[in-house]
Amino acid sequence: MTEQIEGARTLASWLTIPRVLLDQMPIEWRYEWVKLMDEFNETWDWVPDGIQFYVNARRSGKMVELPEHLCEYRRPMYEELEKIKRHQV
């Protein structure tokens, strides 16, 4: 049996995080994230050949558009991102 992490917020099977938000975190945090992802990828050979992943959003079971400010990581919409920030990091 897998040990559950105290304080985990979801029982979802997948983790999906907008890259634009990761890119707004402090540089030290991002370096640590990259190290952790490298360690994960060195541990698991989990993506079958030829598989591609896509993210879709649903509300009440119906497909909805993802907010543009969460999809545009090459040209961040800083004003929109500030509106959803809970606190300064």
C-alpha atoms as a PDB file:
ATOM      1  CA  MET A   1       0.000   0.000   0.000  1.00  0.00           C
ATOM      2  CA  THR A   2       1.277   3.465  -0.893  1.00  0.00           C
ATOM      3  CA  GLU A   3       1.754   5.940   1.934  1.00  0.00           C
ATOM      4  CA  GLN A   4      -0.540   8.945   1.549  1.00  0.00           C
ATOM      5  CA  ILE A   5       1.033  12.398   1.811  1.00  0.00           C
ATOM      6  CA  GLU A   6      -0.385  14.427   4.680  1.00  0.00           C
ATOM      7  CA  GLY A   7      -2.186  17.492   3.372  1.00  0.00           C
ATOM      8  CA  ALA A   8      -2.667  16.175  -0.172  1.00  0.00           C
ATOM      9  CA  ARG A   9      -5.500  18.183  -1.729  1.00  0.00           C
ATOM     10  CA  THR A  10      -6.857  15.752  -4.297  1.00  0.00           C
ATOM     11  CA  LEU A  11      -7.366  12.138  -5.180  1.00  0.00           C
ATOM     12  CA  ALA A  12      -6.937  12.823  -8.905  1.00  0.00           C
ATOM     13  CA  SER A  13      -5.005  10.269 -10.946  1.00  0.00           C
ATOM     14  CA  TRP A  14      -3.005  12.886 -12.867  1.00  0.00           C
ATOM     15  CA  LEU A  15      -1.199  16.101 -12.036  1.00  0.00           C
ATOM     16  CA  THR A  16      -1.723  18.972 -14.467  1.00  0.00           C
ATOM     17  CA  ILE A  17      -0.063  22.327 -13.762  1.00  0.00           C
ATOM     18  CA  PRO A  18       0.058  25.318 -16.116  1.00  0.00           C
ATOM     19  CA  ARG A  19       3.643  25.918 -17.208  1.00  0.00           C
ATOM     20  CA  VAL A  20       3.099  29.680 -17.146  1.00  0.00           C
ATOM     21  CA  LEU A  21       2.469  29.475 -13.376  1.00  0.00           C
ATOM     22  CA  LEU A  22       5.511  27.303 -12.754  1.00  0.00           C
ATOM     23  CA  ASP A  23       7.590  29.858 -14.651  1.00  0.00           C
ATOM     24  CA  GLN A  24       6.419  32.603 -12.265  1.00  0.00           C
ATOM     25  CA  MET A  25       7.774  30.844  -9.175  1.00  0.00           C
ATOM     26  CA  PRO A  26      11.116  31.962  -7.651  1.00  0.00           C
ATOM     27  CA  ILE A  27      14.187  30.738  -9.517  1.00  0.00           C
ATOM     28  CA  GLU A  28      15.384  28.570  -6.583  1.00  0.00           C
ATOM     29  CA  TRP A  29      12.005  26.839  -6.520  1.00  0.00           C
ATOM     30  CA  ARG A  30      12.179  26.206 -10.271  1.00  0.00           C
ATOM     31  CA  TYR A  31      15.664  24.679  -9.995  1.00  0.00           C
ATOM     32  CA  GLU A  32      14.361  22.330  -7.286  1.00  0.00           C
ATOM     33  CA  TRP A  33      11.329  21.447  -9.453  1.00  0.00           C
ATOM     34  CA  VAL A  34      13.611  20.564 -12.383  1.00  0.00           C
ATOM     35  CA  LYS A  35      15.765  18.377 -10.107  1.00  0.00           C
ATOM     36  CA  LEU A  36      12.672  16.570  -8.831  1.00  0.00           C
ATOM     37  CA  MET A  37      11.296  16.046 -12.340  1.00  0.00           C
ATOM     38  CA  ASP A  38      14.687  14.752 -13.502  1.00  0.00           C
ATOM     39  CA  GLU A  39      14.715  12.305 -10.588  1.00  0.00           C
ATOM     40  CA  PHE A  40      11.162  11.207 -11.438  1.00  0.00           C
ATOM     41  CA  ASN A  41      12.073  10.639 -15.097  1.00  0.00           C
ATOM     42  CA  GLU A  42      15.227   8.720 -14.131  1.00  0.00           C
ATOM     43  CA  THR A  43      13.101   6.449 -11.925  1.00  0.00           C
ATOM     44  CA  TRP A  44      10.208   5.726 -14.270  1.00  0.00           C
ATOM     45  CA  ASP A  45      10.028   4.749 -17.954  1.00  0.00           C
ATOM     46  CA  TRP A  46       6.309   5.375 -18.061  1.00  0.00           C
ATOM     47  CA  VAL A  47       5.408   6.931 -21.428  1.00  0.00           C
ATOM     48  CA  PRO A  48       4.757   4.281 -24.098  1.00  0.00           C
ATOM     49  CA  ASP A  49       6.251   5.030 -27.531  1.00  0.00           C
ATOM     50  CA  GLY A  50       4.052   7.178 -29.717  1.00  0.00           C
ATOM     51  CA  ILE A  51       1.816   8.417 -26.879  1.00  0.00           C
ATOM     52  CA  GLN A  52       0.989  12.131 -26.773  1.00  0.00           C
ATOM     53  CA  PHE A  53      -0.877  13.947 -24.027  1.00  0.00           C
ATOM     54  CA  TYR A  54      -3.415  16.764 -24.348  1.00  0.00           C
ATOM     55  CA  VAL A  55      -5.173  18.761 -21.641  1.00  0.00           C
ATOM     56  CA  ASN A  56      -8.893  19.441 -21.912  1.00  0.00           C
ATOM     57  CA  ALA A  57     -11.055  21.317 -19.441  1.00  0.00           C
ATOM     58  CA  ARG A  58     -14.577  20.342 -18.433  1.00  0.00           C
ATOM     59  CA  ARG A  59     -17.233  22.020 -16.362  1.00  0.00           C
ATOM     60  CA  SER A  60     -20.222  19.911 -15.304  1.00  0.00           C
ATOM     61  CA  GLY A  61     -19.046  17.259 -17.737  1.00  0.00           C
ATOM     62  CA  LYS A  62     -18.990  19.579 -20.751  1.00  0.00           C
ATOM     63  CA  MET A  63     -15.858  20.711 -22.580  1.00  0.00           C
ATOM     64  CA  VAL A  64     -14.919  24.350 -21.974  1.00  0.00           C
ATOM     65  CA  GLU A  65     -12.122  26.597 -23.236  1.00  0.00           C
ATOM     66  CA  LEU A  66      -9.044  26.838 -21.052  1.00  0.00           C
ATOM     67  CA  PRO A  67      -8.356  30.410 -19.920  1.00  0.00           C
ATOM     68  CA  GLU A  68      -5.881  31.999 -22.321  1.00  0.00           C
ATOM     69  CA  HIS A  69      -3.709  33.401 -19.510  1.00  0.00           C
ATOM     70  CA  LEU A  70      -3.076  29.834 -18.282  1.00  0.00           C
ATOM     71  CA  CYS A  71      -2.132  28.555 -21.742  1.00  0.00           C
ATOM     72  CA  GLU A  72       0.193  31.288 -23.000  1.00  0.00           C
ATOM     73  CA  TYR A  73       3.586  30.579 -21.405  1.00  0.00           C
ATOM     74  CA  ARG A  74       5.695  32.154 -24.173  1.00  0.00           C
ATOM     75  CA  ARG A  75       4.100  35.578 -23.667  1.00  0.00           C
ATOM     76  CA  PRO A  76       2.762  35.625 -20.087  1.00  0.00           C
ATOM     77  CA  MET A  77      -0.234  37.825 -19.384  1.00  0.00           C
ATOM     78  CA  TYR A  78       1.183  39.195 -16.141  1.00  0.00           C
ATOM     79  CA  GLU A  79      -1.851  41.298 -15.196  1.00  0.00           C
ATOM     80  CA  GLU A  80      -4.171  38.297 -15.494  1.00  0.00           C
ATOM     81  CA  LEU A  81      -1.760  36.095 -13.563  1.00  0.00           C
ATOM     82  CA  GLU A  82      -1.584  38.616 -10.725  1.00  0.00           C
ATOM     83  CA  LYS A  83      -5.383  38.411 -10.397  1.00  0.00           C
ATOM     84  CA  ILE A  84      -5.224  34.725  -9.521  1.00  0.00           C
ATOM     85  CA  LYS A  85      -2.196  34.854  -7.203  1.00  0.00           C
ATOM     86  CA  ARG A  86      -3.088  34.064  -3.575  1.00  0.00           C
ATOM     87  CA  HIS A  87       0.052  35.592  -2.070  1.00  0.00           C
ATOM     88  CA  GLN A  88       3.527  36.796  -2.929  1.00  0.00           C
ATOM     89  CA  VAL A  89       6.271  34.181  -3.177  1.00  0.00           C
END
